[in-house]
N, C-alpha and C. Protein backbone atom coordinates (compact mmCIF):
# COMPACT_ATOMS: atom_id res chain seq x y z
N MET A 1 52.94 231.85 -57.41
CA MET A 1 54.35 232.06 -57.18
C MET A 1 54.82 233.17 -58.09
N GLN A 2 55.64 234.05 -57.54
CA GLN A 2 56.22 235.13 -58.33
C GLN A 2 57.74 234.95 -58.32
N ILE A 3 58.33 235.08 -59.52
CA ILE A 3 59.77 234.91 -59.68
C ILE A 3 60.32 236.12 -60.42
N VAL A 4 61.43 236.65 -59.92
CA VAL A 4 62.13 237.73 -60.60
C VAL A 4 63.27 237.09 -61.39
N ILE A 5 63.32 237.39 -62.70
CA ILE A 5 64.40 236.84 -63.51
C ILE A 5 65.22 237.98 -64.09
N ASP A 6 66.49 237.69 -64.36
CA ASP A 6 67.41 238.66 -64.92
C ASP A 6 67.89 238.12 -66.26
N ILE A 7 67.46 238.77 -67.35
CA ILE A 7 67.87 238.36 -68.68
C ILE A 7 68.33 239.59 -69.45
N SER A 8 69.09 239.37 -70.49
CA SER A 8 69.57 240.48 -71.32
C SER A 8 68.40 241.07 -72.12
N GLU A 9 68.60 242.29 -72.59
CA GLU A 9 67.56 242.92 -73.42
C GLU A 9 67.34 242.12 -74.70
N ASP A 10 68.43 241.55 -75.24
CA ASP A 10 68.32 240.74 -76.45
C ASP A 10 67.45 239.51 -76.20
N ASP A 11 67.70 238.82 -75.07
CA ASP A 11 66.88 237.65 -74.74
C ASP A 11 65.42 238.05 -74.50
N TYR A 12 65.21 239.19 -73.88
CA TYR A 12 63.84 239.67 -73.66
C TYR A 12 63.13 239.90 -74.99
N ARG A 13 63.83 240.51 -75.94
CA ARG A 13 63.24 240.71 -77.27
C ARG A 13 62.91 239.37 -77.93
N LYS A 14 63.80 238.38 -77.75
CA LYS A 14 63.53 237.05 -78.32
C LYS A 14 62.28 236.44 -77.71
N VAL A 15 62.09 236.60 -76.41
CA VAL A 15 60.87 236.09 -75.76
C VAL A 15 59.65 236.80 -76.34
N GLN A 16 59.73 238.13 -76.46
CA GLN A 16 58.61 238.90 -76.98
C GLN A 16 58.27 238.53 -78.43
N ASP A 17 59.30 238.22 -79.21
CA ASP A 17 59.10 237.88 -80.62
C ASP A 17 58.79 236.41 -80.85
N GLY A 18 58.83 235.61 -79.77
CA GLY A 18 58.58 234.18 -79.91
C GLY A 18 59.78 233.41 -80.45
N ARG A 19 60.97 234.02 -80.38
CA ARG A 19 62.17 233.37 -80.90
C ARG A 19 63.03 232.75 -79.80
N ALA A 20 62.65 232.89 -78.55
CA ALA A 20 63.46 232.38 -77.45
C ALA A 20 63.39 230.86 -77.40
N SER A 21 64.53 230.26 -77.11
CA SER A 21 64.56 228.80 -76.99
C SER A 21 64.01 228.39 -75.63
N VAL A 22 63.47 227.19 -75.57
CA VAL A 22 62.96 226.66 -74.32
C VAL A 22 64.08 226.55 -73.30
N SER A 23 65.27 226.16 -73.74
CA SER A 23 66.39 226.01 -72.80
C SER A 23 66.79 227.37 -72.21
N MET A 24 66.74 228.44 -72.99
CA MET A 24 67.06 229.78 -72.49
C MET A 24 66.04 230.19 -71.42
N MET A 25 64.77 229.93 -71.70
CA MET A 25 63.73 230.30 -70.73
C MET A 25 63.83 229.46 -69.47
N ARG A 26 64.12 228.16 -69.61
CA ARG A 26 64.29 227.31 -68.42
C ARG A 26 65.43 227.80 -67.56
N LYS A 27 66.56 228.16 -68.19
CA LYS A 27 67.72 228.65 -67.45
C LYS A 27 67.38 229.94 -66.72
N ALA A 28 66.69 230.86 -67.38
CA ALA A 28 66.31 232.13 -66.75
C ALA A 28 65.42 231.89 -65.53
N ILE A 29 64.46 230.99 -65.66
CA ILE A 29 63.56 230.69 -64.54
C ILE A 29 64.31 229.97 -63.43
N ARG A 30 65.15 229.00 -63.79
CA ARG A 30 65.93 228.25 -62.80
C ARG A 30 66.83 229.18 -62.00
N ASN A 31 67.39 230.21 -62.63
CA ASN A 31 68.28 231.14 -61.96
C ASN A 31 67.54 232.33 -61.34
N GLY A 32 66.23 232.33 -61.44
CA GLY A 32 65.43 233.42 -60.90
C GLY A 32 65.37 233.42 -59.38
N THR A 33 64.85 234.51 -58.85
CA THR A 33 64.67 234.66 -57.41
C THR A 33 63.19 234.53 -57.09
N ILE A 34 62.85 233.55 -56.27
CA ILE A 34 61.46 233.35 -55.87
C ILE A 34 61.13 234.36 -54.78
N LEU A 35 60.05 235.09 -54.98
CA LEU A 35 59.61 236.05 -53.96
C LEU A 35 58.79 235.32 -52.91
N PRO A 36 59.02 235.64 -51.64
CA PRO A 36 58.27 234.95 -50.58
C PRO A 36 56.79 235.30 -50.63
N LYS A 37 55.96 234.33 -50.31
CA LYS A 37 54.51 234.54 -50.28
C LYS A 37 54.19 235.62 -49.25
N GLY A 38 53.33 236.54 -49.60
CA GLY A 38 52.93 237.60 -48.69
C GLY A 38 53.90 238.76 -48.62
N HIS A 39 54.83 238.86 -49.61
CA HIS A 39 55.80 239.96 -49.58
C HIS A 39 55.10 241.30 -49.74
N GLY A 40 55.75 242.34 -49.24
CA GLY A 40 55.24 243.70 -49.41
C GLY A 40 55.56 244.20 -50.81
N ARG A 41 55.16 245.43 -51.08
CA ARG A 41 55.45 245.98 -52.40
C ARG A 41 56.94 246.21 -52.53
N LEU A 42 57.46 245.97 -53.71
CA LEU A 42 58.88 246.12 -53.97
C LEU A 42 59.10 247.40 -54.75
N ILE A 43 59.99 248.24 -54.22
CA ILE A 43 60.26 249.52 -54.86
C ILE A 43 61.75 249.65 -55.13
N ASP A 44 62.13 250.64 -55.91
CA ASP A 44 63.51 250.90 -56.26
C ASP A 44 64.18 251.65 -55.11
N ALA A 45 65.14 251.00 -54.42
CA ALA A 45 65.81 251.61 -53.27
C ALA A 45 66.57 252.87 -53.67
N ASP A 46 67.14 252.90 -54.87
CA ASP A 46 67.84 254.10 -55.33
C ASP A 46 66.87 255.27 -55.46
N ASP A 47 65.64 254.97 -55.86
CA ASP A 47 64.64 256.02 -55.97
C ASP A 47 64.30 256.58 -54.59
N ILE A 48 64.29 255.72 -53.57
CA ILE A 48 64.05 256.19 -52.21
C ILE A 48 65.15 257.14 -51.80
N ASP A 49 66.43 256.77 -52.08
CA ASP A 49 67.55 257.66 -51.75
C ASP A 49 67.36 259.02 -52.41
N ASN A 50 66.95 259.03 -53.66
CA ASN A 50 66.73 260.30 -54.36
C ASN A 50 65.63 261.11 -53.70
N HIS A 51 64.58 260.43 -53.22
CA HIS A 51 63.50 261.13 -52.56
C HIS A 51 63.95 261.69 -51.21
N ILE A 52 64.75 260.91 -50.47
CA ILE A 52 65.21 261.37 -49.17
C ILE A 52 66.14 262.57 -49.33
N ILE A 53 67.08 262.47 -50.27
CA ILE A 53 68.01 263.58 -50.50
C ILE A 53 67.24 264.81 -50.96
N GLY A 54 66.23 264.61 -51.78
CA GLY A 54 65.44 265.72 -52.29
C GLY A 54 64.32 266.13 -51.35
N HIS A 55 64.22 265.49 -50.18
CA HIS A 55 63.18 265.78 -49.19
C HIS A 55 61.78 265.66 -49.77
N VAL A 56 61.58 264.62 -50.57
CA VAL A 56 60.28 264.34 -51.17
C VAL A 56 59.65 263.19 -50.39
N ASP A 57 58.34 263.16 -50.30
CA ASP A 57 57.61 262.11 -49.58
C ASP A 57 57.95 260.75 -50.18
N THR A 58 58.58 259.84 -49.39
CA THR A 58 58.99 258.53 -49.89
C THR A 58 57.80 257.63 -50.23
N ARG A 59 56.60 257.96 -49.75
CA ARG A 59 55.43 257.13 -50.09
C ARG A 59 55.07 257.26 -51.55
N SER A 60 55.64 258.27 -52.22
CA SER A 60 55.31 258.48 -53.63
C SER A 60 56.25 257.71 -54.57
N CYS A 61 57.17 256.90 -54.02
CA CYS A 61 58.08 256.11 -54.86
C CYS A 61 57.26 255.11 -55.67
N PRO A 62 57.59 254.98 -56.96
CA PRO A 62 56.83 254.05 -57.79
C PRO A 62 57.05 252.60 -57.38
N THR A 63 55.99 251.83 -57.41
CA THR A 63 56.05 250.41 -57.08
C THR A 63 56.56 249.63 -58.28
N ILE A 64 57.55 248.75 -58.06
CA ILE A 64 58.07 247.90 -59.13
C ILE A 64 57.21 246.65 -59.24
N ILE A 65 56.94 246.00 -58.10
CA ILE A 65 56.09 244.81 -58.03
C ILE A 65 55.10 245.02 -56.89
N GLU A 66 53.83 244.85 -57.16
CA GLU A 66 52.80 245.02 -56.14
C GLU A 66 52.97 244.01 -55.02
N ALA A 67 52.46 244.35 -53.85
CA ALA A 67 52.49 243.45 -52.70
C ALA A 67 51.67 242.20 -53.00
N ASP A 68 52.11 241.08 -52.44
CA ASP A 68 51.38 239.83 -52.58
C ASP A 68 50.48 239.71 -51.36
N ASN A 69 49.19 239.90 -51.56
CA ASN A 69 48.23 239.88 -50.45
C ASN A 69 47.64 238.50 -50.23
N ALA A 70 48.21 237.48 -50.83
CA ALA A 70 47.67 236.12 -50.73
C ALA A 70 47.60 235.64 -49.29
N GLU A 71 48.61 235.99 -48.50
CA GLU A 71 48.63 235.54 -47.11
C GLU A 71 47.46 236.13 -46.33
N SER A 72 47.19 237.43 -46.53
CA SER A 72 46.09 238.05 -45.81
C SER A 72 44.74 237.55 -46.32
N GLU A 73 44.66 237.19 -47.62
CA GLU A 73 43.41 236.66 -48.16
C GLU A 73 43.13 235.28 -47.59
N ASP A 74 44.19 234.49 -47.32
CA ASP A 74 44.01 233.14 -46.77
C ASP A 74 43.40 233.18 -45.38
N LYS A 75 43.69 234.26 -44.62
CA LYS A 75 43.22 234.37 -43.25
C LYS A 75 41.75 234.75 -43.17
N GLU A 76 41.20 235.30 -44.25
CA GLU A 76 39.80 235.76 -44.24
C GLU A 76 38.83 234.62 -44.34
């Protein structure tokens, strides 16, 4: 399962330093967004707009989260 969470930079630093409370982490996970199984790659839509306006190949947009290929692996 993949979950996207939104936390402040301060809370992120606390997690990295081992100072984050369990309740803070539980809240962040509870409020997170679960990504559907087998999702495609997730990219920055604003970056796509910049590529389109600049007439740059949109396939070169950086991937934020890789595609979840679990669904296709299950079929094999």
